[in-house]
Structures are given as structure tokens and as C-alpha cells.
Amino acid sequence: MANGTRLLTFLAGVETFDALTHAYLSMTRTSVPHPAELLGIKVTPKFHAVAAIVNGAIAAGLGARALTTRA
């Protein structure tokens, strides 16, 4: 089960990095090509702010699950 805990911890870290990246792009209003634009979604600072909140919530959930998973 230790591998499951490690996997959850790793995924929480990935989501945290993604959330911080979206937060940075939202605050600096930096425009970079985003895969969502291929689906016709306009990527704006508001989009990045919402993505940062959603990814932060996912990271918190994964982190909480990793802490409660028995090793």
C-alpha cells in the first residue's frame, strides 16, 4: 500500500504545480498557447483563475487522501 500513498502524494504535487502555474498566469496576465484553445475555448486570465482554484481543490483532496491512506 505504500506505493499507493506515494502515487497519491506525487499526483497531489503535480496538481499543486499546475494550480500555481495557472495562478501565476492569471496574476501576470501572461498569454501562452493552451491546449484548450484547440477546443475553441478562449483562454483568459479568468480562465486561469478558475483553473487554479479547481486544481488547488483537487490537490488538497489528493493530499488529504494520501495522509489518510494506511501504509
PDB file of N, CA and C in Angstrom:
ATOM      1  N   MET A   1       0.801  -1.190   0.000  1.00  0.00           N
ATOM      2  CA  MET A   1       0.000   0.000   0.000  1.00  0.00           C
ATOM      3  C   MET A   1       0.849   1.261   0.000  1.00  0.00           C
ATOM      4  N   ALA A   2       2.117   1.150   0.319  1.00  0.00           N
ATOM      5  CA  ALA A   2       2.997   2.316   0.327  1.00  0.00           C
ATOM      6  C   ALA A   2       3.102   2.924  -1.061  1.00  0.00           C
ATOM      7  N   ASN A   3       3.031   2.070  -2.092  1.00  0.00           N
ATOM      8  CA  ASN A   3       3.095   2.605  -3.455  1.00  0.00           C
ATOM      9  C   ASN A   3       1.875   3.455  -3.765  1.00  0.00           C
ATOM     10  N   GLY A   4       0.716   3.072  -3.232  1.00  0.00           N
ATOM     11  CA  GLY A   4      -0.490   3.874  -3.435  1.00  0.00           C
ATOM     12  C   GLY A   4      -0.369   5.236  -2.776  1.00  0.00           C
ATOM     13  N   THR A   5       0.200   5.263  -1.588  1.00  0.00           N
ATOM     14  CA  THR A   5       0.398   6.526  -0.887  1.00  0.00           C
ATOM     15  C   THR A   5       1.394   7.404  -1.635  1.00  0.00           C
ATOM     16  N   ARG A   6       2.426   6.794  -2.125  1.00  0.00           N
ATOM     17  CA  ARG A   6       3.421   7.561  -2.901  1.00  0.00           C
ATOM     18  C   ARG A   6       2.815   8.114  -4.175  1.00  0.00           C
ATOM     19  N   LEU A   7       1.981   7.322  -4.831  1.00  0.00           N
ATOM     20  CA  LEU A   7       1.330   7.780  -6.052  1.00  0.00           C
ATOM     21  C   LEU A   7       0.403   8.958  -5.758  1.00  0.00           C
ATOM     22  N   LEU A   8      -0.396   8.863  -4.694  1.00  0.00           N
ATOM     23  CA  LEU A   8      -1.279   9.968  -4.327  1.00  0.00           C
ATOM     24  C   LEU A   8      -0.488  11.225  -3.993  1.00  0.00           C
ATOM     25  N   THR A   9       0.624  11.061  -3.288  1.00  0.00           N
ATOM     26  CA  THR A   9       1.465  12.200  -2.937  1.00  0.00           C
ATOM     27  C   THR A   9       2.055  12.845  -4.192  1.00  0.00           C
ATOM     28  N   PHE A  10       2.510  12.031  -5.115  1.00  0.00           N
ATOM     29  CA  PHE A  10       3.057  12.542  -6.374  1.00  0.00           C
ATOM     30  C   PHE A  10       1.994  13.297  -7.162  1.00  0.00           C
ATOM     31  N   LEU A  11       0.798  12.723  -7.277  1.00  0.00           N
ATOM     32  CA  LEU A  11      -0.270  13.369  -8.027  1.00  0.00           C
ATOM     33  C   LEU A  11      -0.714  14.673  -7.357  1.00  0.00           C
ATOM     34  N   ALA A  12      -0.692  14.708  -6.030  1.00  0.00           N
ATOM     35  CA  ALA A  12      -1.008  15.951  -5.326  1.00  0.00           C
ATOM     36  C   ALA A  12       0.027  17.022  -5.662  1.00  0.00           C
ATOM     37  N   GLY A  13       1.282  16.634  -5.757  1.00  0.00           N
ATOM     38  CA  GLY A  13       2.338  17.573  -6.133  1.00  0.00           C
ATOM     39  C   GLY A  13       2.176  18.081  -7.555  1.00  0.00           C
ATOM     40  N   VAL A  14       1.802  17.200  -8.461  1.00  0.00           N
ATOM     41  CA  VAL A  14       1.573  17.596  -9.853  1.00  0.00           C
ATOM     42  C   VAL A  14       0.432  18.610  -9.929  1.00  0.00           C
ATOM     43  N   GLU A  15      -0.659  18.329  -9.232  1.00  0.00           N
ATOM     44  CA  GLU A  15      -1.800  19.245  -9.237  1.00  0.00           C
ATOM     45  C   GLU A  15      -1.451  20.582  -8.586  1.00  0.00           C
ATOM     46  N   THR A  16      -0.636  20.550  -7.541  1.00  0.00           N
ATOM     47  CA  THR A  16      -0.211  21.789  -6.893  1.00  0.00           C
ATOM     48  C   THR A  16       0.607  22.638  -7.857  1.00  0.00           C
ATOM     49  N   PHE A  17       1.529  22.012  -8.573  1.00  0.00           N
ATOM     50  CA  PHE A  17       2.327  22.734  -9.566  1.00  0.00           C
ATOM     51  C   PHE A  17       1.420  23.339 -10.631  1.00  0.00           C
ATOM     52  N   ASP A  18       0.445  22.570 -11.103  1.00  0.00           N
ATOM     53  CA  ASP A  18      -0.474  23.063 -12.128  1.00  0.00           C
ATOM     54  C   ASP A  18      -1.295  24.240 -11.592  1.00  0.00           C
ATOM     55  N   ALA A  19      -1.754  24.142 -10.349  1.00  0.00           N
ATOM     56  CA  ALA A  19      -2.528  25.232  -9.752  1.00  0.00           C
ATOM     57  C   ALA A  19      -1.689  26.494  -9.629  1.00  0.00           C
ATOM     58  N   LEU A  20      -0.445  26.355  -9.180  1.00  0.00           N
ATOM     59  CA  LEU A  20       0.428  27.514  -9.038  1.00  0.00           C
ATOM     60  C   LEU A  20       0.762  28.142 -10.393  1.00  0.00           C
ATOM     61  N   THR A  21       0.917  27.312 -11.410  1.00  0.00           N
ATOM     62  CA  THR A  21       1.187  27.826 -12.753  1.00  0.00           C
ATOM     63  C   THR A  21       0.000  28.631 -13.265  1.00  0.00           C
ATOM     64  N   HIS A  22      -1.212  28.095 -13.093  1.00  0.00           N
ATOM     65  CA  HIS A  22      -2.406  28.827 -13.523  1.00  0.00           C
ATOM     66  C   HIS A  22      -2.568  30.124 -12.726  1.00  0.00           C
ATOM     67  N   ALA A  23      -2.281  30.081 -11.430  1.00  0.00           N
ATOM     68  CA  ALA A  23      -2.383  31.294 -10.615  1.00  0.00           C
ATOM     69  C   ALA A  23      -1.394  32.347 -11.103  1.00  0.00           C
ATOM     70  N   TYR A  24      -0.179  31.941 -11.409  1.00  0.00           N
ATOM     71  CA  TYR A  24       0.828  32.878 -11.922  1.00  0.00           C
ATOM     72  C   TYR A  24       0.372  33.488 -13.252  1.00  0.00           C
ATOM     73  N   LEU A  25      -0.121  32.651 -14.157  1.00  0.00           N
ATOM     74  CA  LEU A  25      -0.556  33.153 -15.455  1.00  0.00           C
ATOM     75  C   LEU A  25      -1.743  34.091 -15.316  1.00  0.00           C
ATOM     76  N   SER A  26      -2.608  33.838 -14.343  1.00  0.00           N
ATOM     77  CA  SER A  26      -3.750  34.709 -14.119  1.00  0.00           C
ATOM     78  C   SER A  26      -3.309  36.059 -13.566  1.00  0.00           C
ATOM     79  N   MET A  27      -2.413  36.050 -12.591  1.00  0.00           N
ATOM     80  CA  MET A  27      -1.990  37.301 -11.953  1.00  0.00           C
ATOM     81  C   MET A  27      -1.140  38.170 -12.873  1.00  0.00           C
ATOM     82  N   THR A  28      -0.313  37.550 -13.705  1.00  0.00           N
ATOM     83  CA  THR A  28       0.559  38.327 -14.584  1.00  0.00           C
ATOM     84  C   THR A  28      -0.080  38.620 -15.937  1.00  0.00           C
ATOM     85  N   ARG A  29      -1.252  38.053 -16.177  1.00  0.00           N
ATOM     86  CA  ARG A  29      -1.962  38.216 -17.446  1.00  0.00           C
ATOM     87  C   ARG A  29      -1.083  37.824 -18.636  1.00  0.00           C
ATOM     88  N   THR A  30      -0.290  36.780 -18.430  1.00  0.00           N
ATOM     89  CA  THR A  30       0.583  36.274 -19.481  1.00  0.00           C
ATOM     90  C   THR A  30      -0.227  35.436 -20.457  1.00  0.00           C
ATOM     91  N   SER A  31       0.010  35.626 -21.731  1.00  0.00           N
ATOM     92  CA  SER A  31      -0.693  34.864 -22.753  1.00  0.00           C
ATOM     93  C   SER A  31       0.246  33.822 -23.344  1.00  0.00           C
ATOM     94  N   VAL A  32      -0.098  32.568 -23.165  1.00  0.00           N
ATOM     95  CA  VAL A  32       0.665  31.467 -23.740  1.00  0.00           C
ATOM     96  C   VAL A  32      -0.311  30.540 -24.455  1.00  0.00           C
ATOM     97  N   PRO A  33       0.142  29.834 -25.486  1.00  0.00           N
ATOM     98  CA  PRO A  33      -0.748  28.874 -26.150  1.00  0.00           C
ATOM     99  C   PRO A  33      -1.199  27.801 -25.157  1.00  0.00           C
ATOM    100  N   HIS A  34      -2.480  27.474 -25.182  1.00  0.00           N
ATOM    101  CA  HIS A  34      -3.039  26.498 -24.261  1.00  0.00           C
ATOM    102  C   HIS A  34      -3.810  25.453 -25.063  1.00  0.00           C
ATOM    103  N   PRO A  35      -3.732  24.174 -24.666  1.00  0.00           N
ATOM    104  CA  PRO A  35      -4.450  23.127 -25.412  1.00  0.00           C
ATOM    105  C   PRO A  35      -5.962  23.340 -25.472  1.00  0.00           C
ATOM    106  N   ALA A  36      -6.531  24.062 -24.533  1.00  0.00           N
ATOM    107  CA  ALA A  36      -7.979  24.303 -24.541  1.00  0.00           C
ATOM    108  C   ALA A  36      -8.393  25.138 -25.744  1.00  0.00           C
ATOM    109  N   GLU A  37      -7.469  25.894 -26.302  1.00  0.00           N
ATOM    110  CA  GLU A  37      -7.793  26.720 -27.465  1.00  0.00           C
ATOM    111  C   GLU A  37      -8.116  25.863 -28.679  1.00  0.00           C
ATOM    112  N   LEU A  38      -7.633  24.638 -28.710  1.00  0.00           N
ATOM    113  CA  LEU A  38      -7.963  23.742 -29.813  1.00  0.00           C
ATOM    114  C   LEU A  38      -9.438  23.353 -29.788  1.00  0.00           C
ATOM    115  N   LEU A  39     -10.066  23.446 -28.614  1.00  0.00           N
ATOM    116  CA  LEU A  39     -11.488  23.137 -28.470  1.00  0.00           C
ATOM    117  C   LEU A  39     -12.357  24.368 -28.635  1.00  0.00           C
ATOM    118  N   GLY A  40     -11.760  25.496 -28.952  1.00  0.00           N
ATOM    119  CA  GLY A  40     -12.491  26.729 -29.153  1.00  0.00           C
ATOM    120  C   GLY A  40     -12.735  27.505 -27.881  1.00  0.00           C
ATOM    121  N   ILE A  41     -12.058  27.159 -26.784  1.00  0.00           N
ATOM    122  CA  ILE A  41     -12.212  27.855 -25.514  1.00  0.00           C
ATOM    123  C   ILE A  41     -11.223  29.006 -25.471  1.00  0.00           C
ATOM    124  N   LYS A  42     -11.722  30.204 -25.246  1.00  0.00           N
ATOM    125  CA  LYS A  42     -10.860  31.385 -25.149  1.00  0.00           C
ATOM    126  C   LYS A  42     -10.161  31.373 -23.797  1.00  0.00           C
ATOM    127  N   VAL A  43      -8.853  31.364 -23.805  1.00  0.00           N
ATOM    128  CA  VAL A  43      -8.066  31.319 -22.571  1.00  0.00           C
ATOM    129  C   VAL A  43      -7.749  32.744 -22.133  1.00  0.00           C
ATOM    130  N   THR A  44      -8.338  33.135 -21.014  1.00  0.00           N
ATOM    131  CA  THR A  44      -8.180  34.476 -20.460  1.00  0.00           C
ATOM    132  C   THR A  44      -7.630  34.365 -19.041  1.00  0.00           C
ATOM    133  N   PRO A  45      -7.270  35.477 -18.428  1.00  0.00           N
ATOM    134  CA  PRO A  45      -6.846  35.419 -17.022  1.00  0.00           C
ATOM    135  C   PRO A  45      -7.932  34.833 -16.109  1.00  0.00           C
ATOM    136  N   LYS A  46      -9.194  35.075 -16.430  1.00  0.00           N
ATOM    137  CA  LYS A  46     -10.292  34.497 -15.635  1.00  0.00           C
ATOM    138  C   LYS A  46     -10.283  32.973 -15.753  1.00  0.00           C
ATOM    139  N   PHE A  47     -10.034  32.454 -16.942  1.00  0.00           N
ATOM    140  CA  PHE A  47      -9.936  31.010 -17.146  1.00  0.00           C
ATOM    141  C   PHE A  47      -8.836  30.429 -16.264  1.00  0.00           C
ATOM    142  N   HIS A  48      -7.686  31.096 -16.227  1.00  0.00           N
ATOM    143  CA  HIS A  48      -6.576  30.621 -15.409  1.00  0.00           C
ATOM    144  C   HIS A  48      -6.904  30.695 -13.921  1.00  0.00           C
ATOM    145  N   ALA A  49      -7.647  31.718 -13.502  1.00  0.00           N
ATOM    146  CA  ALA A  49      -8.032  31.833 -12.091  1.00  0.00           C
ATOM    147  C   ALA A  49      -8.951  30.686 -11.687  1.00  0.00           C
ATOM    148  N   VAL A  50      -9.923  30.372 -12.527  1.00  0.00           N
ATOM    149  CA  VAL A  50     -10.830  29.256 -12.236  1.00  0.00           C
ATOM    150  C   VAL A  50     -10.057  27.939 -12.240  1.00  0.00           C
ATOM    151  N   ALA A  51      -9.157  27.773 -13.193  1.00  0.00           N
ATOM    152  CA  ALA A  51      -8.355  26.544 -13.257  1.00  0.00           C
ATOM    153  C   ALA A  51      -7.467  26.404 -12.028  1.00  0.00           C
ATOM    154  N   ALA A  52      -6.932  27.508 -11.528  1.00  0.00           N
ATOM    155  CA  ALA A  52      -6.102  27.464 -10.321  1.00  0.00           C
ATOM    156  C   ALA A  52      -6.914  27.008  -9.117  1.00  0.00           C
ATOM    157  N   ILE A  53      -8.138  27.494  -8.994  1.00  0.00           N
ATOM    158  CA  ILE A  53      -8.994  27.100  -7.870  1.00  0.00           C
ATOM    159  C   ILE A  53      -9.372  25.629  -7.964  1.00  0.00           C
ATOM    160  N   VAL A  54      -9.751  25.188  -9.151  1.00  0.00           N
ATOM    161  CA  VAL A  54     -10.144  23.786  -9.336  1.00  0.00           C
ATOM    162  C   VAL A  54      -8.956  22.860  -9.085  1.00  0.00           C
ATOM    163  N   ASN A  55      -7.807  23.183  -9.649  1.00  0.00           N
ATOM    164  CA  ASN A  55      -6.623  22.346  -9.440  1.00  0.00           C
ATOM    165  C   ASN A  55      -6.165  22.369  -7.986  1.00  0.00           C
ATOM    166  N   GLY A  56      -6.323  23.498  -7.314  1.00  0.00           N
ATOM    167  CA  GLY A  56      -5.989  23.565  -5.901  1.00  0.00           C
ATOM    168  C   GLY A  56      -6.884  22.666  -5.067  1.00  0.00           C
ATOM    169  N   ALA A  57      -8.164  22.631  -5.401  1.00  0.00           N
ATOM    170  CA  ALA A  57      -9.094  21.754  -4.682  1.00  0.00           C
ATOM    171  C   ALA A  57      -8.765  20.283  -4.919  1.00  0.00           C
ATOM    172  N   ILE A  58      -8.425  19.948  -6.144  1.00  0.00           N
ATOM    173  CA  ILE A  58      -8.044  18.564  -6.450  1.00  0.00           C
ATOM    174  C   ILE A  58      -6.769  18.192  -5.703  1.00  0.00           C
ATOM    175  N   ALA A  59      -5.803  19.102  -5.663  1.00  0.00           N
ATOM    176  CA  ALA A  59      -4.547  18.841  -4.952  1.00  0.00           C
ATOM    177  C   ALA A  59      -4.800  18.641  -3.464  1.00  0.00           C
ATOM    178  N   ALA A  60      -5.679  19.462  -2.889  1.00  0.00           N
ATOM    179  CA  ALA A  60      -5.991  19.313  -1.463  1.00  0.00           C
ATOM    180  C   ALA A  60      -6.666  17.980  -1.194  1.00  0.00           C
ATOM    181  N   GLY A  61      -7.564  17.576  -2.063  1.00  0.00           N
ATOM    182  CA  GLY A  61      -8.227  16.287  -1.909  1.00  0.00           C
ATOM    183  C   GLY A  61      -7.266  15.115  -2.013  1.00  0.00           C
ATOM    184  N   LEU A  62      -6.379  15.182  -2.989  1.00  0.00           N
ATOM    185  CA  LEU A  62      -5.385  14.117  -3.137  1.00  0.00           C
ATOM    186  C   LEU A  62      -4.433  14.070  -1.951  1.00  0.00           C
ATOM    187  N   GLY A  63      -4.035  15.234  -1.476  1.00  0.00           N
ATOM    188  CA  GLY A  63      -3.150  15.287  -0.312  1.00  0.00           C
ATOM    189  C   GLY A  63      -3.816  14.740   0.931  1.00  0.00           C
ATOM    190  N   ALA A  64      -5.084  15.080   1.136  1.00  0.00           N
ATOM    191  CA  ALA A  64      -5.816  14.558   2.294  1.00  0.00           C
ATOM    192  C   ALA A  64      -5.969  13.051   2.202  1.00  0.00           C
ATOM    193  N   ARG A  65      -6.243  12.574   1.004  1.00  0.00           N
ATOM    194  CA  ARG A  65      -6.385  11.112   0.812  1.00  0.00           C
ATOM    195  C   ARG A  65      -5.059  10.411   1.054  1.00  0.00           C
ATOM    196  N   ALA A  66      -3.962  11.016   0.625  1.00  0.00           N
ATOM    197  CA  ALA A  66      -2.642  10.409   0.847  1.00  0.00           C
ATOM    198  C   ALA A  66      -2.310  10.344   2.342  1.00  0.00           C
ATOM    199  N   LEU A  67      -2.749  11.348   3.097  1.00  0.00           N
ATOM    200  CA  LEU A  67      -2.475  11.350   4.541  1.00  0.00           C
ATOM    201  C   LEU A  67      -3.298  10.315   5.291  1.00  0.00           C
ATOM    202  N   THR A  68      -4.501  10.029   4.800  1.00  0.00           N
ATOM    203  CA  THR A  68      -5.376   9.092   5.499  1.00  0.00           C
ATOM    204  C   THR A  68      -5.224   7.663   5.025  1.00  0.00           C
ATOM    205  N   THR A  69      -4.499   7.436   3.932  1.00  0.00           N
ATOM    206  CA  THR A  69      -4.290   6.089   3.421  1.00  0.00           C
ATOM    207  C   THR A  69      -3.277   5.361   4.292  1.00  0.00           C
ATOM    208  N   ARG A  70      -3.629   4.173   4.689  1.00  0.00           N
ATOM    209  CA  ARG A  70      -2.704   3.390   5.530  1.00  0.00           C
ATOM    210  C   ARG A  70      -1.545   2.850   4.701  1.00  0.00           C
ATOM    211  N   ALA A  71      -0.377   2.920   5.266  1.00  0.00           N
ATOM    212  CA  ALA A  71       0.825   2.449   4.570  1.00  0.00           C
ATOM    213  C   ALA A  71       1.005   0.955   4.758  1.00  0.00           C
TER     214      ALA A  71
END
